[in-house]
Amino acid sequence: MMEETGPRIADYFVVAGLTDSSKPLEEELQLDDVPGRFPRSAPGGRPLAPITDVAVAYTCLESTPSGLSAELNGASLRGPQIYLCYKRGRDKPPLTDLGVLYEWKEKLKPGCHIVQTTPSGRPANISSSSSQRIYITYRRAPQSQPHTSLAVTDVCIIIPGKGETPPHTFCKVDKNLNSSMWGSSVYLCYKKSLAKTNTIAYNAEEDDESFPLPESVPLFCLPMGASIEFWPAHSKHSMPVFSTFVLTGASGD
């Protein structure tokens, strides 16, 4: 559509079901991701950036959902203190699964990788025993994975013996991380959600004088906003998500 002001993509993007004080679309994605604090969230309901690495010493998971120590080996008397670290970002394909490997009695699943060392190069064996080693494992999304696929977006440690359960929508890896006779059982939990790409949200500021929008439009439109998304170069093409409608008069004409 050519106008004196230049080409337009559309006349209006409609967002309905909001109050005067509502802010449906945040200009920037700013994470409330405080180290060691749980739960983590993004303002305005925006999705968190997916987790791309574990045990890389970017953000240390120091506490469980209820505030207990998130030490992976259950405060073992024989081994060192071990904590899980993670990194968020969009510079590489995100993680799609996390797991726990009992190396002495099972094989690594196809497509998975082992966190074998700490950031400083020390062994990342969680067990206090060198003969029965326990490792954190992960699976990473391929470069060609669709940009709307599920990915790991949050992770936590729980201690069921202290009354903790997996948070809502979290998956529990049903393998005890503490192999010693001392301390409590410790379990890894993670959450998977839509790994949205970087987006620029559109929020109209002015009404078009030549085509004013009727005030009754919010009564029947869907509560969806509009955004421009940045897709990775190797991602698979997916169909856009949108809703269409036609404005008519009171008679339906």
Protein backbone atom coordinates (compact mmCIF):
# COMPACT_ATOMS: atom_id res chain seq x y z
CA MET A 1 0.00 0.00 0.00
CA MET A 2 1.64 3.24 -1.20
CA GLU A 3 0.95 6.46 0.67
CA GLU A 4 2.58 9.85 0.89
CA THR A 5 4.33 8.61 4.01
CA GLY A 6 5.77 5.58 2.20
CA PRO A 7 4.89 1.87 1.84
CA ARG A 8 3.00 0.09 4.64
CA ILE A 9 2.83 -3.54 5.65
CA ALA A 10 -0.70 -3.15 6.97
CA ASP A 11 -3.12 -0.46 8.12
CA TYR A 12 -3.39 -1.78 11.70
CA PHE A 13 -2.21 -4.51 14.00
CA VAL A 14 -4.94 -5.09 16.58
CA VAL A 15 -4.34 -5.99 20.23
CA ALA A 16 -7.55 -6.59 22.17
CA GLY A 17 -8.69 -7.40 25.70
CA LEU A 18 -6.42 -4.88 27.40
CA THR A 19 -6.98 -2.11 29.91
CA ASP A 20 -5.77 1.49 29.60
CA SER A 21 -2.77 0.72 31.81
CA SER A 22 -1.82 -2.57 30.11
CA LYS A 23 1.54 -2.90 28.41
CA PRO A 24 1.14 -5.84 26.02
CA LEU A 25 4.47 -5.60 24.25
CA GLU A 26 7.77 -4.83 25.94
CA GLU A 27 10.32 -2.95 23.85
CA GLU A 28 13.22 -5.04 25.03
CA LEU A 29 13.66 -8.49 26.52
CA GLN A 30 15.13 -7.81 29.97
CA LEU A 31 15.58 -10.89 32.13
CA ASP A 32 15.00 -10.96 35.85
CA ASP A 33 17.60 -13.71 36.11
CA VAL A 34 19.34 -13.08 39.42
CA PRO A 35 22.11 -15.62 40.19
CA GLY A 36 21.00 -18.21 42.73
CA ARG A 37 17.42 -16.92 42.89
CA PHE A 38 14.39 -19.01 41.96
CA PRO A 39 12.05 -18.77 40.15
CA ARG A 40 13.33 -16.75 37.24
CA SER A 41 11.05 -14.76 34.99
CA ALA A 42 10.92 -12.12 32.29
CA PRO A 43 8.72 -9.02 32.63
CA GLY A 44 5.47 -8.85 30.71
CA GLY A 45 5.32 -12.63 30.29
CA ARG A 46 8.04 -12.56 27.62
CA PRO A 47 9.96 -15.83 27.18
CA LEU A 48 13.37 -16.33 28.74
CA ALA A 49 16.31 -16.89 26.45
CA PRO A 50 17.01 -20.63 26.16
CA ILE A 51 19.86 -22.30 28.03
CA THR A 52 22.81 -23.00 25.72
CA ASP A 53 25.42 -24.45 28.10
CA VAL A 54 25.64 -26.15 31.49
CA ALA A 55 28.63 -26.19 33.87
CA VAL A 56 30.26 -23.24 32.11
CA ALA A 57 30.45 -20.99 35.17
CA TYR A 58 28.26 -18.15 33.93
CA THR A 59 25.38 -18.32 36.44
CA CYS A 60 25.74 -20.64 39.43
CA LEU A 61 22.63 -22.44 40.68
CA GLU A 62 23.30 -22.07 44.40
CA SER A 63 19.88 -22.74 45.96
CA THR A 64 16.83 -24.97 45.52
CA PRO A 65 13.28 -23.56 45.03
CA SER A 66 12.77 -23.35 48.80
CA GLY A 67 16.18 -21.81 49.52
CA LEU A 68 18.20 -24.91 50.47
CA SER A 69 21.74 -25.46 49.23
CA ALA A 70 21.74 -26.82 45.67
CA GLU A 71 24.95 -28.79 46.13
CA LEU A 72 24.73 -31.67 43.65
CA ASN A 73 26.39 -34.36 45.75
CA GLY A 74 24.20 -33.75 48.80
CA ALA A 75 26.91 -32.28 51.01
CA SER A 76 28.96 -35.46 50.78
CA LEU A 77 31.61 -35.79 53.47
CA ARG A 78 34.10 -37.39 51.08
CA GLY A 79 33.83 -35.26 47.95
CA PRO A 80 34.21 -31.56 47.12
CA GLN A 81 31.29 -29.17 46.85
CA ILE A 82 29.79 -29.33 43.35
CA TYR A 83 27.22 -26.94 41.87
CA LEU A 84 25.53 -26.71 38.49
CA CYS A 85 26.19 -23.65 36.34
CA TYR A 86 24.41 -22.58 33.18
CA LYS A 87 24.52 -19.94 30.45
CA ARG A 88 21.69 -18.28 28.54
CA GLY A 89 21.98 -16.84 25.08
CA ARG A 90 21.14 -17.02 21.40
CA ASP A 91 24.65 -17.30 19.98
CA LYS A 92 24.38 -21.08 19.47
CA PRO A 93 21.65 -23.76 19.26
CA PRO A 94 19.95 -24.24 22.66
CA LEU A 95 19.90 -27.37 24.80
CA THR A 96 16.86 -29.58 24.26
CA ASP A 97 17.33 -32.11 27.09
CA LEU A 98 19.30 -32.65 30.29
CA GLY A 99 20.09 -35.96 31.92
CA VAL A 100 22.19 -37.89 34.44
CA LEU A 101 24.55 -40.72 33.48
CA TYR A 102 25.50 -43.55 35.86
CA GLU A 103 28.68 -44.40 33.96
CA TRP A 104 29.32 -47.76 35.63
CA LYS A 105 26.02 -49.35 34.56
CA GLU A 106 24.65 -47.58 31.47
CA LYS A 107 25.70 -46.17 28.12
CA LEU A 108 25.33 -42.62 26.88
CA LYS A 109 22.19 -42.12 24.78
CA PRO A 110 22.70 -41.29 21.08
CA GLY A 111 22.98 -37.56 20.44
CA CYS A 112 23.86 -36.74 24.06
CA HIS A 113 27.07 -35.25 25.44
CA ILE A 114 28.75 -35.53 28.85
CA VAL A 115 29.86 -32.62 31.01
CA GLN A 116 33.19 -34.25 31.83
CA THR A 117 35.16 -31.35 33.30
CA THR A 118 34.62 -28.16 35.26
CA PRO A 119 35.49 -24.77 33.69
CA SER A 120 38.97 -25.02 35.20
CA GLY A 121 39.55 -28.53 33.85
CA ARG A 122 38.90 -30.60 36.97
CA PRO A 123 36.81 -33.81 36.71
CA ALA A 124 33.06 -33.08 36.76
CA ASN A 125 32.24 -36.42 38.41
CA ILE A 126 29.41 -35.71 40.87
CA SER A 127 29.87 -38.98 42.78
CA SER A 128 32.26 -39.21 45.70
CA SER A 129 33.47 -42.53 44.27
CA SER A 130 35.94 -42.77 41.39
CA SER A 131 34.67 -46.24 40.44
CA GLN A 132 30.99 -45.26 40.22
CA ARG A 133 31.06 -41.95 38.43
CA ILE A 134 27.99 -39.76 37.84
CA TYR A 135 27.87 -37.06 35.16
CA ILE A 136 25.42 -34.45 33.89
CA THR A 137 24.51 -34.97 30.22
CA TYR A 138 22.85 -32.76 27.64
CA ARG A 139 21.46 -32.83 24.10
CA ARG A 140 21.79 -29.81 21.83
CA ALA A 141 19.43 -28.74 19.04
CA PRO A 142 20.77 -29.02 15.48
CA GLN A 143 21.57 -25.91 13.47
CA SER A 144 18.58 -26.62 11.20
CA GLN A 145 16.02 -26.94 14.01
CA PRO A 146 12.92 -24.73 13.51
CA HIS A 147 13.07 -21.48 15.47
CA THR A 148 9.75 -22.32 17.16
CA SER A 149 10.96 -25.62 18.69
CA LEU A 150 11.05 -26.45 22.40
CA ALA A 151 14.29 -25.92 24.31
CA VAL A 152 15.53 -25.95 27.91
CA THR A 153 14.68 -22.55 29.38
CA ASP A 154 15.13 -23.15 33.12
CA VAL A 155 16.80 -25.59 35.49
CA CYS A 156 16.71 -26.27 39.24
CA ILE A 157 17.81 -28.75 41.89
CA ILE A 158 15.35 -30.28 44.38
CA ILE A 159 15.74 -32.26 47.61
CA PRO A 160 12.57 -34.41 48.05
CA GLY A 161 13.61 -35.45 51.56
CA LYS A 162 13.23 -31.81 52.64
CA GLY A 163 9.70 -31.58 51.23
CA GLU A 164 10.59 -30.21 47.79
CA THR A 165 8.84 -31.26 44.58
CA PRO A 166 9.47 -30.33 40.94
CA PRO A 167 8.11 -26.83 40.19
CA HIS A 168 5.12 -26.58 37.88
CA THR A 169 5.92 -27.57 34.25
CA PHE A 170 9.41 -28.85 35.23
CA CYS A 171 10.64 -32.33 34.24
CA LYS A 172 12.44 -34.36 36.91
CA VAL A 173 15.41 -36.53 35.95
CA ASP A 174 14.64 -39.55 38.11
CA LYS A 175 18.23 -40.35 39.08
CA ASN A 176 19.70 -39.47 42.46
CA LEU A 177 22.80 -37.29 42.12
CA ASN A 178 24.04 -38.19 45.62
CA SER A 179 25.50 -41.69 45.55
CA SER A 180 26.99 -41.59 49.05
CA MET A 181 25.50 -43.01 52.24
CA TRP A 182 25.40 -39.54 53.77
CA GLY A 183 23.29 -36.53 52.94
CA SER A 184 19.94 -36.23 51.19
CA SER A 185 18.83 -37.45 47.79
CA VAL A 186 19.29 -34.73 45.15
CA TYR A 187 17.54 -34.52 41.78
CA LEU A 188 17.92 -32.39 38.66
CA CYS A 189 14.82 -30.73 37.15
CA TYR A 190 14.49 -28.69 33.99
CA LYS A 191 11.81 -26.83 32.09
CA LYS A 192 11.22 -26.85 28.34
CA SER A 193 9.33 -24.11 26.54
CA LEU A 194 9.22 -22.37 23.19
CA ALA A 195 12.63 -20.99 22.30
CA LYS A 196 11.53 -17.82 20.55
CA THR A 197 14.04 -15.85 18.55
CA ASN A 198 14.92 -12.19 19.01
CA THR A 199 11.86 -10.10 18.21
CA ILE A 200 10.95 -6.46 17.74
CA ALA A 201 7.46 -5.76 19.04
CA TYR A 202 5.11 -3.44 17.15
CA ASN A 203 2.88 -1.14 19.17
CA ALA A 204 0.96 1.55 17.25
CA GLU A 205 1.25 5.07 18.69
CA GLU A 206 -1.07 7.06 16.40
CA ASP A 207 -4.47 6.53 14.79
CA ASP A 208 -4.53 6.97 11.00
CA GLU A 209 -6.61 10.08 10.29
CA SER A 210 -7.63 8.82 6.84
CA PHE A 211 -8.75 5.46 8.21
CA PRO A 212 -9.68 5.75 11.91
CA LEU A 213 -10.08 2.50 13.82
CA PRO A 214 -13.57 2.00 15.37
CA GLU A 215 -13.58 1.90 19.17
CA SER A 216 -15.59 -1.34 19.15
CA VAL A 217 -12.82 -3.32 17.43
CA PRO A 218 -11.40 -4.72 20.72
CA LEU A 219 -14.76 -6.41 21.38
CA PHE A 220 -14.23 -9.11 18.77
CA CYS A 221 -10.53 -9.26 17.89
CA LEU A 222 -8.06 -11.79 19.29
CA PRO A 223 -5.56 -10.68 21.98
CA MET A 224 -2.51 -10.98 19.76
CA GLY A 225 0.23 -8.52 19.07
CA ALA A 226 2.54 -8.18 16.09
CA SER A 227 6.29 -8.63 15.97
CA ILE A 228 9.24 -8.83 13.58
CA GLU A 229 11.40 -11.88 14.27
CA PHE A 230 15.07 -12.55 13.57
CA TRP A 231 15.52 -16.15 12.42
CA PRO A 232 18.86 -18.01 12.41
CA ALA A 233 20.26 -18.46 8.89
CA HIS A 234 20.04 -22.26 9.01
CA SER A 235 16.63 -22.59 10.67
CA LYS A 236 13.79 -24.39 8.92
CA HIS A 237 11.04 -22.22 7.50
CA SER A 238 7.79 -22.23 9.48
CA MET A 239 4.44 -20.69 8.71
CA PRO A 240 3.71 -17.30 10.34
CA VAL A 241 1.18 -17.07 13.16
CA PHE A 242 -1.52 -14.46 12.61
CA SER A 243 -5.27 -13.80 12.64
CA THR A 244 -7.27 -12.00 9.96
CA PHE A 245 -10.60 -10.18 10.18
CA VAL A 246 -12.90 -7.91 8.17
CA LEU A 247 -14.44 -4.70 9.51
CA THR A 248 -18.13 -4.28 8.67
CA GLY A 249 -20.92 -1.88 9.58
CA ALA A 250 -23.66 -2.53 12.13
CA SER A 251 -25.77 -4.24 9.44
CA GLY A 252 -22.98 -6.65 8.60
CA ASP A 253 -22.39 -5.18 5.15
